[in-house]
Amino acid sequence: MKLLLIGMLFTLPLKAPHDTREILIKQESIQPFTPLIRAIGAVECSFDTLAYNPVEKATGYFQIRPIRIEDYNKRTGSDYVLPDMFDYNKAEIVFLYYASKIGPYNFEKVARNWNGSGPKTIDYWNKVENKLGYIK
């Protein structure tokens, strides 16, 4: 008898109540420049967001110079001043603006462009590349 009852339970159609709620899944954002940002931070300031180079007036994690701030403000309509670059988040916005113009697929070009122009940027790239852990 018990076996018959158990068998009948398995044949009954079972349905879950209809759920009309939507399920939202937060996706992690893609941050392709993260390894480059870390390498540049190691080379520029040993990860010190309060770093300052009085010779170049370069400020913060990315060692942003006044001319870069002036150019960024002109291009974007922002009104950043050099002390704002001690704020990592603001400085990262400036860096990503320029890096995104080149794209995440050429770290060398991004790094060399960030550093300036000319043959000294090759030495800079070699330092950044070393921090990235690339094998030459």
Foldseek 3Di string as FASTA:
>chain_A
DVVVVVVVVVPDDDDDDDDPDDDDDDDDDDDLCVLLLVLQLCVPPNVQQQDADVVQRQHGSNRDGQVLVVVQCVVPVDDDDSVVSSVVVVVVVSLCVQLPVVHSPCSLVSQLVSVPDDDVSVVVSVSSVVSSVDDD
